[in-house]
Amino acid sequence: MQAEVHEKSQKETSTWASWKKAQPVQVKWRHFRIALRAAWKEDQIKGLEQRLEKFRHQLVFRILVAFRSVARYSGNMVLTTTNI
C-alpha cells in the first residue's frame, strides 16, 4: 500500500514538475497571442479611424454643396422678388 502511494505521489510530482517547466513557454505564447490580438485590434481601429475620417470629409463636402445650393436659390429668389 505504501509503495502504491509513493508511486502515485512520484507520478504526480513528476507531472507537476513537467507542467511547471512547460508553463513559462505557455505563458510566453499566451503573452504573444495577447500582443498579436492587440496589434490586430490596433490595425482594425486605425482602419476604422481612416474610414470615419473619409466619411466625415464626404459629409462636410455634401453639406457645403447643399448650403451653396440653398444660398444660390435664396439669392435668386431675393433678386427675382426685388426685380418685380
Foldseek 3Di string as FASTA:
>chain_A
DVVVVVVVVVVVVVVVVVCVVCVVVVVVVVVVVVVVVVVVVVVVVVVVVVVVVVVVVVVVVVVVVVVVVVVVVVVVVVVVVVVD
